[in-house]
Amino acid sequence: MILDTLTLADEARKDPPREAIICQPKCTSDFCSKNPRAICSAEDNADQSKSCQETCQHTSCSACRFLQSVPRPCPHCAKDDFKCIKQFGRCIRKQNCRRRKFPCVSKGLAAKEDFGKFQCSVPDCPVE
């Protein structure tokens, strides 16, 4: 009987319940301005949610900006592939920003107050 209990407990540790999912800090302009290279959770402000990123919608702060734009061809990343997500953020920044300093000021626009909502791109799912 004790062996059955240990086996069930071991199984529970392998697959945490959906409620136990831990997301990185939320992508906010304040968080990302203090941590421009950080991985963050864009669950509330992803420009387009990706199914493979599930609940957290992890992305890089460098893929966040004050402008809604059309997604560009950047790397496709698996869930929680933080190395790929950082590359994705650099790709978005390179295509959309006119300066290196955070926050990203989109090419052709002057002040972040003119941009509206702080929004983040989430990497596409890898092609299988």
C-alpha atoms as a PDB file:
ATOM      1  CA  MET A   1       0.000   0.000   0.000  1.00  0.00           C
ATOM      2  CA  ILE A   2       2.838   2.396   0.794  1.00  0.00           C
ATOM      3  CA  LEU A   3       4.455   1.566  -2.547  1.00  0.00           C
ATOM      4  CA  ASP A   4       1.241   2.551  -4.358  1.00  0.00           C
ATOM      5  CA  THR A   5       1.207   5.898  -2.547  1.00  0.00           C
ATOM      6  CA  LEU A   6       4.835   6.606  -3.448  1.00  0.00           C
ATOM      7  CA  THR A   7       4.220   5.695  -7.063  1.00  0.00           C
ATOM      8  CA  LEU A   8       1.261   8.064  -7.307  1.00  0.00           C
ATOM      9  CA  ALA A   9       3.249  10.836  -5.625  1.00  0.00           C
ATOM     10  CA  ASP A  10       6.149  10.265  -8.019  1.00  0.00           C
ATOM     11  CA  GLU A  11       3.788  10.464 -10.993  1.00  0.00           C
ATOM     12  CA  ALA A  12       2.317  13.723  -9.690  1.00  0.00           C
ATOM     13  CA  ARG A  13       5.809  15.262  -9.574  1.00  0.00           C
ATOM     14  CA  LYS A  14       6.512  14.345 -13.202  1.00  0.00           C
ATOM     15  CA  ASP A  15       3.518  16.136 -14.712  1.00  0.00           C
ATOM     16  CA  PRO A  16       2.581  19.222 -12.690  1.00  0.00           C
ATOM     17  CA  PRO A  17      -1.077  20.246 -12.894  1.00  0.00           C
ATOM     18  CA  ARG A  18      -1.988  23.042 -15.305  1.00  0.00           C
ATOM     19  CA  GLU A  19      -2.345  25.456 -12.359  1.00  0.00           C
ATOM     20  CA  ALA A  20       1.315  24.875 -11.395  1.00  0.00           C
ATOM     21  CA  ILE A  21       2.720  26.362 -14.605  1.00  0.00           C
ATOM     22  CA  ILE A  22       5.208  29.079 -13.724  1.00  0.00           C
ATOM     23  CA  CYS A  23       5.505  31.973 -16.143  1.00  0.00           C
ATOM     24  CA  GLN A  24       8.355  34.431 -16.335  1.00  0.00           C
ATOM     25  CA  PRO A  25       7.544  38.011 -15.169  1.00  0.00           C
ATOM     26  CA  LYS A  26       4.904  39.799 -17.233  1.00  0.00           C
ATOM     27  CA  CYS A  27       6.068  41.873 -20.185  1.00  0.00           C
ATOM     28  CA  THR A  28       5.413  45.447 -19.108  1.00  0.00           C
ATOM     29  CA  SER A  29       7.123  48.610 -20.231  1.00  0.00           C
ATOM     30  CA  ASP A  30       8.489  49.102 -16.693  1.00  0.00           C
ATOM     31  CA  PHE A  31       9.866  45.551 -16.401  1.00  0.00           C
ATOM     32  CA  CYS A  32      11.365  45.565 -19.894  1.00  0.00           C
ATOM     33  CA  SER A  33      12.910  49.032 -19.553  1.00  0.00           C
ATOM     34  CA  LYS A  34      14.758  47.769 -16.447  1.00  0.00           C
ATOM     35  CA  ASN A  35      15.552  44.366 -18.009  1.00  0.00           C
ATOM     36  CA  PRO A  36      15.771  44.846 -21.804  1.00  0.00           C
ATOM     37  CA  ARG A  37      17.344  41.419 -22.420  1.00  0.00           C
ATOM     38  CA  ALA A  38      15.002  39.468 -20.138  1.00  0.00           C
ATOM     39  CA  ILE A  39      12.563  36.715 -21.050  1.00  0.00           C
ATOM     40  CA  CYS A  40       9.039  37.718 -20.107  1.00  0.00           C
ATOM     41  CA  SER A  41       5.460  36.486 -20.306  1.00  0.00           C
ATOM     42  CA  ALA A  42       3.309  38.245 -22.896  1.00  0.00           C
ATOM     43  CA  GLU A  43       0.096  36.471 -21.914  1.00  0.00           C
ATOM     44  CA  ASP A  44      -1.722  39.828 -21.661  1.00  0.00           C
ATOM     45  CA  ASN A  45      -0.088  41.769 -24.479  1.00  0.00           C
ATOM     46  CA  ALA A  46       1.043  39.391 -27.220  1.00  0.00           C
ATOM     47  CA  ASP A  47       0.252  40.806 -30.642  1.00  0.00           C
ATOM     48  CA  GLN A  48      -0.663  37.252 -31.683  1.00  0.00           C
ATOM     49  CA  SER A  49      -0.798  34.240 -29.341  1.00  0.00           C
ATOM     50  CA  LYS A  50       1.015  31.092 -30.439  1.00  0.00           C
ATOM     51  CA  SER A  51      -0.374  27.691 -29.476  1.00  0.00           C
ATOM     52  CA  CYS A  52       3.047  26.140 -28.824  1.00  0.00           C
ATOM     53  CA  GLN A  53       3.866  28.817 -26.225  1.00  0.00           C
ATOM     54  CA  GLU A  54       0.750  27.796 -24.267  1.00  0.00           C
ATOM     55  CA  THR A  55      -0.427  29.931 -21.327  1.00  0.00           C
ATOM     56  CA  CYS A  56       2.738  31.943 -20.666  1.00  0.00           C
ATOM     57  CA  GLN A  57       3.402  33.162 -24.226  1.00  0.00           C
ATOM     58  CA  HIS A  58       7.116  33.579 -23.385  1.00  0.00           C
ATOM     59  CA  THR A  59       9.070  36.070 -25.451  1.00  0.00           C
ATOM     60  CA  SER A  60      12.008  38.460 -25.101  1.00  0.00           C
ATOM     61  CA  CYS A  61      11.665  42.032 -23.836  1.00  0.00           C
ATOM     62  CA  SER A  62      13.567  43.068 -26.942  1.00  0.00           C
ATOM     63  CA  ALA A  63      10.569  41.859 -28.996  1.00  0.00           C
ATOM     64  CA  CYS A  64       8.273  44.330 -27.191  1.00  0.00           C
ATOM     65  CA  ARG A  65       7.476  47.804 -28.444  1.00  0.00           C
ATOM     66  CA  PHE A  66       5.019  50.660 -28.354  1.00  0.00           C
ATOM     67  CA  LEU A  67       3.667  50.010 -31.816  1.00  0.00           C
ATOM     68  CA  GLN A  68       1.414  47.416 -33.364  1.00  0.00           C
ATOM     69  CA  SER A  69       3.133  46.137 -36.464  1.00  0.00           C
ATOM     70  CA  VAL A  70       2.815  43.286 -38.908  1.00  0.00           C
ATOM     71  CA  PRO A  71       4.905  40.285 -37.830  1.00  0.00           C
ATOM     72  CA  ARG A  72       8.081  39.827 -39.854  1.00  0.00           C
ATOM     73  CA  PRO A  73       9.814  36.547 -40.736  1.00  0.00           C
ATOM     74  CA  CYS A  74      11.879  35.750 -37.649  1.00  0.00           C
ATOM     75  CA  PRO A  75      12.898  32.420 -36.058  1.00  0.00           C
ATOM     76  CA  HIS A  76      10.239  29.925 -34.998  1.00  0.00           C
ATOM     77  CA  CYS A  77      10.786  28.812 -31.393  1.00  0.00           C
ATOM     78  CA  ALA A  78       9.680  25.836 -29.345  1.00  0.00           C
ATOM     79  CA  LYS A  79       7.986  26.347 -25.975  1.00  0.00           C
ATOM     80  CA  ASP A  80      10.472  27.753 -23.440  1.00  0.00           C
ATOM     81  CA  ASP A  81      13.412  27.669 -25.927  1.00  0.00           C
ATOM     82  CA  PHE A  82      14.921  30.763 -24.330  1.00  0.00           C
ATOM     83  CA  LYS A  83      17.993  30.883 -26.611  1.00  0.00           C
ATOM     84  CA  CYS A  84      15.753  30.949 -29.679  1.00  0.00           C
ATOM     85  CA  ILE A  85      13.402  33.476 -28.043  1.00  0.00           C
ATOM     86  CA  LYS A  86      16.339  35.849 -27.455  1.00  0.00           C
ATOM     87  CA  GLN A  87      17.303  35.526 -31.145  1.00  0.00           C
ATOM     88  CA  PHE A  88      13.676  36.214 -32.044  1.00  0.00           C
ATOM     89  CA  GLY A  89      13.746  39.397 -29.933  1.00  0.00           C
ATOM     90  CA  ARG A  90      16.915  40.616 -31.664  1.00  0.00           C
ATOM     91  CA  CYS A  91      15.310  39.946 -35.047  1.00  0.00           C
ATOM     92  CA  ILE A  92      12.188  41.963 -34.182  1.00  0.00           C
ATOM     93  CA  ARG A  93      14.289  44.796 -32.760  1.00  0.00           C
ATOM     94  CA  LYS A  94      16.545  44.913 -35.818  1.00  0.00           C
ATOM     95  CA  GLN A  95      13.565  45.141 -38.156  1.00  0.00           C
ATOM     96  CA  ASN A  96      11.484  47.611 -36.176  1.00  0.00           C
ATOM     97  CA  CYS A  97      13.749  49.900 -34.177  1.00  0.00           C
ATOM     98  CA  ARG A  98      15.724  52.940 -35.112  1.00  0.00           C
ATOM     99  CA  ARG A  99      17.895  52.956 -31.996  1.00  0.00           C
ATOM    100  CA  ARG A 100      19.500  50.404 -29.700  1.00  0.00           C
ATOM    101  CA  LYS A 101      18.304  51.935 -26.435  1.00  0.00           C
ATOM    102  CA  PHE A 102      15.173  50.525 -24.800  1.00  0.00           C
ATOM    103  CA  PRO A 103      12.279  51.024 -25.220  1.00  0.00           C
ATOM    104  CA  CYS A 104      12.158  50.323 -28.891  1.00  0.00           C
ATOM    105  CA  VAL A 105      11.236  53.431 -30.824  1.00  0.00           C
ATOM    106  CA  SER A 106       9.888  52.276 -34.150  1.00  0.00           C
ATOM    107  CA  LYS A 107      11.408  53.562 -37.332  1.00  0.00           C
ATOM    108  CA  GLY A 108       9.693  56.761 -38.429  1.00  0.00           C
ATOM    109  CA  LEU A 109       8.086  57.615 -35.073  1.00  0.00           C
ATOM    110  CA  ALA A 110       9.380  59.987 -32.429  1.00  0.00           C
ATOM    111  CA  ALA A 111       7.985  59.438 -28.919  1.00  0.00           C
ATOM    112  CA  LYS A 112       6.635  56.386 -27.126  1.00  0.00           C
ATOM    113  CA  GLU A 113       3.550  58.290 -25.981  1.00  0.00           C
ATOM    114  CA  ASP A 114       2.398  58.379 -29.615  1.00  0.00           C
ATOM    115  CA  PHE A 115       2.496  54.595 -29.963  1.00  0.00           C
ATOM    116  CA  GLY A 116      -0.333  53.425 -27.733  1.00  0.00           C
ATOM    117  CA  LYS A 117      -0.319  49.984 -26.101  1.00  0.00           C
ATOM    118  CA  PHE A 118       2.905  48.234 -25.126  1.00  0.00           C
ATOM    119  CA  GLN A 119       2.834  45.079 -27.216  1.00  0.00           C
ATOM    120  CA  CYS A 120       5.103  42.070 -27.696  1.00  0.00           C
ATOM    121  CA  SER A 121       5.694  39.639 -30.531  1.00  0.00           C
ATOM    122  CA  VAL A 122       5.828  35.965 -29.609  1.00  0.00           C
ATOM    123  CA  PRO A 123       7.929  33.589 -31.735  1.00  0.00           C
ATOM    124  CA  ASP A 124       6.139  31.315 -34.186  1.00  0.00           C
ATOM    125  CA  CYS A 125       5.988  27.607 -33.453  1.00  0.00           C
ATOM    126  CA  PRO A 126       8.695  25.456 -35.072  1.00  0.00           C
ATOM    127  CA  VAL A 127       7.683  23.621 -38.245  1.00  0.00           C
ATOM    128  CA  GLU A 128       7.593  19.884 -37.615  1.00  0.00           C
END
